[in-house]
Amino acid sequence: MVHAAPTAGTPTGMHRAPDVFDARVHRIMAWVTPVALGLVYGFWAAEIRRSGGPITGWNLLFGFVAALAFMVLYVAVRTLAGRLPRELHAALWTAFIGCAFGFCYSQTGASTGRAVLMSLAVSGLAFVLLFYRYYTREDAEGHRVR
């Protein structure tokens, strides 16, 4: 049986999924994703903080500041994480996820210890999932197939 030789662009045995969208859509989504996630996160944080009470100006300000902080950190992590090896890549996203979850969980009125433990549990699960994802999408030399 005859097999095609691997090309220089992809490591042996790894295939790149077809890209359905053009470069313009990817550029737009690079800005839409952090904004949308930030607004959802800010709304979530503000909702947790108000605990079913009335919506106030301070509550709205808190939500917008939380959303802005989330957006800035998300873009920073996304920019930096792609340049790191898979272990640090997974660890950086894990720290971001754990801190974001821990901050919102701390707004529920739970003790600091419980918020830290819950955040560590979520971070541990995130690390396992992310490390597996990045480990299975690289070859032995660390070349990523996106």
Protein backbone atom coordinates (compact mmCIF):
# COMPACT_ATOMS: atom_id res chain seq x y z
CA MET A 1 0.00 0.00 0.00
CA VAL A 2 1.28 3.47 -0.84
CA HIS A 3 1.10 6.34 1.64
CA ALA A 4 1.73 10.02 1.07
CA ALA A 5 4.82 11.47 2.66
CA PRO A 6 4.21 13.98 5.46
CA THR A 7 4.45 17.61 4.46
CA ALA A 8 6.83 20.06 6.07
CA GLY A 9 3.95 22.04 7.64
CA THR A 10 2.48 19.28 9.81
CA PRO A 11 4.28 16.81 12.08
CA THR A 12 3.94 13.13 11.28
CA GLY A 13 0.56 11.70 12.21
CA MET A 14 -1.05 15.04 13.11
CA HIS A 15 -3.66 16.65 10.91
CA ARG A 16 -4.96 20.17 10.91
CA ALA A 17 -8.71 20.63 10.97
CA PRO A 18 -10.13 22.60 8.05
CA ASP A 19 -10.67 26.28 8.74
CA VAL A 20 -14.24 27.23 7.88
CA PHE A 21 -13.93 30.97 8.53
CA ASP A 22 -11.71 33.51 6.82
CA ALA A 23 -9.13 35.75 8.49
CA ARG A 24 -11.63 38.62 8.86
CA VAL A 25 -13.96 36.52 11.03
CA HIS A 26 -11.03 35.44 13.21
CA ARG A 27 -9.97 39.08 13.71
CA ILE A 28 -13.51 40.08 14.68
CA MET A 29 -13.89 37.15 17.07
CA ALA A 30 -10.55 38.00 18.70
CA TRP A 31 -12.29 41.14 20.04
CA VAL A 32 -15.87 39.87 20.39
CA THR A 33 -14.93 36.89 22.57
CA PRO A 34 -13.26 38.84 25.43
CA VAL A 35 -15.99 41.49 25.39
CA ALA A 36 -18.81 38.95 25.47
CA LEU A 37 -17.15 36.81 28.15
CA GLY A 38 -16.30 39.92 30.18
CA LEU A 39 -19.87 41.20 30.09
CA VAL A 40 -21.23 37.81 31.15
CA TYR A 41 -18.65 37.61 33.95
CA GLY A 42 -19.40 41.16 35.12
CA PHE A 43 -23.14 40.49 35.13
CA TRP A 44 -22.55 37.25 37.04
CA ALA A 45 -20.36 38.97 39.63
CA ALA A 46 -22.80 41.86 40.09
CA GLU A 47 -25.74 39.47 40.41
CA ILE A 48 -23.96 37.42 43.05
CA ARG A 49 -22.99 40.53 44.98
CA ARG A 50 -26.47 42.03 45.11
CA SER A 51 -27.97 38.74 46.46
CA GLY A 52 -31.43 39.36 45.03
CA GLY A 53 -31.63 42.90 46.34
CA PRO A 54 -32.35 46.01 44.30
CA ILE A 55 -30.07 47.03 41.46
CA THR A 56 -28.05 50.06 42.51
CA GLY A 57 -25.52 52.30 40.84
CA TRP A 58 -22.74 50.78 42.94
CA ASN A 59 -23.82 47.33 41.83
CA LEU A 60 -23.67 48.39 38.17
CA LEU A 61 -20.26 49.99 38.69
CA PHE A 62 -19.00 46.82 40.36
CA GLY A 63 -20.23 44.73 37.41
CA PHE A 64 -18.59 46.96 34.81
CA VAL A 65 -15.28 47.10 36.71
CA ALA A 66 -15.32 43.30 37.10
CA ALA A 67 -16.09 42.95 33.38
CA LEU A 68 -13.28 45.32 32.40
CA ALA A 69 -10.76 43.55 34.65
CA PHE A 70 -11.82 40.18 33.26
CA MET A 71 -11.48 41.40 29.65
CA VAL A 72 -8.01 42.86 30.19
CA LEU A 73 -6.74 39.77 31.99
CA TYR A 74 -8.30 37.45 29.42
CA VAL A 75 -6.57 39.23 26.54
CA ALA A 76 -3.25 39.27 28.45
CA VAL A 77 -3.45 35.55 29.24
CA ARG A 78 -4.50 34.67 25.70
CA THR A 79 -1.60 36.68 24.28
CA LEU A 80 1.02 35.29 26.65
CA ALA A 81 -0.15 31.67 26.93
CA GLY A 82 0.36 30.85 23.26
CA ARG A 83 4.10 31.49 23.58
CA LEU A 84 4.60 29.10 26.49
CA PRO A 85 5.29 25.36 26.57
CA ARG A 86 2.27 23.16 27.24
CA GLU A 87 2.83 22.83 31.00
CA LEU A 88 3.06 26.58 31.57
CA HIS A 89 0.34 27.20 29.00
CA ALA A 90 -2.05 25.01 31.00
CA ALA A 91 -0.85 26.48 34.32
CA LEU A 92 -1.45 30.07 33.19
CA TRP A 93 -5.00 29.35 32.03
CA THR A 94 -5.56 27.37 35.23
CA ALA A 95 -4.50 30.32 37.37
CA PHE A 96 -6.79 32.63 35.40
CA ILE A 97 -9.77 30.28 35.71
CA GLY A 98 -9.12 29.67 39.41
CA CYS A 99 -8.81 33.37 40.23
CA ALA A 100 -11.92 34.30 38.22
CA PHE A 101 -13.97 31.58 39.90
CA GLY A 102 -12.55 32.33 43.34
CA PHE A 103 -13.35 36.02 43.06
CA CYS A 104 -16.98 35.36 42.16
CA TYR A 105 -17.28 32.66 44.81
CA SER A 106 -15.94 35.05 47.45
CA GLN A 107 -18.80 37.44 46.64
CA THR A 108 -21.33 34.89 47.94
CA GLY A 109 -20.39 35.62 51.53
CA ALA A 110 -18.60 32.30 52.01
CA SER A 111 -15.52 32.22 54.22
CA THR A 112 -12.14 32.93 52.67
CA GLY A 113 -10.98 29.38 53.36
CA ARG A 114 -13.98 27.88 51.58
CA ALA A 115 -13.52 30.22 48.61
CA VAL A 116 -9.86 29.23 48.34
CA LEU A 117 -10.64 25.50 48.57
CA MET A 118 -13.39 25.72 45.96
CA SER A 119 -11.11 27.75 43.70
CA LEU A 120 -8.32 25.18 44.08
CA ALA A 121 -10.73 22.36 43.23
CA VAL A 122 -11.90 24.14 40.08
CA SER A 123 -8.30 25.00 39.20
CA GLY A 124 -7.16 21.41 39.65
CA LEU A 125 -9.85 20.11 37.32
CA ALA A 126 -9.08 22.87 34.80
CA PHE A 127 -5.36 22.00 34.86
CA VAL A 128 -6.02 18.32 34.19
CA LEU A 129 -8.34 19.09 31.28
CA LEU A 130 -6.15 21.80 29.76
CA PHE A 131 -2.90 19.87 30.12
CA TYR A 132 -4.49 16.87 28.42
CA ARG A 133 -5.79 19.08 25.62
CA TYR A 134 -2.42 20.76 25.00
CA TYR A 135 -0.46 17.51 25.44
CA THR A 136 -2.51 15.70 22.82
CA ARG A 137 -2.17 18.52 20.29
CA GLU A 138 1.63 18.71 20.22
CA ASP A 139 4.29 16.42 18.91
CA ALA A 140 7.36 15.33 20.91
CA GLU A 141 9.28 18.51 19.99
CA GLY A 142 6.49 20.78 21.16
CA HIS A 143 5.18 21.84 17.74
CA ARG A 144 1.51 22.75 17.99
CA VAL A 145 -1.08 21.78 15.44
CA ARG A 146 -3.91 24.27 15.70
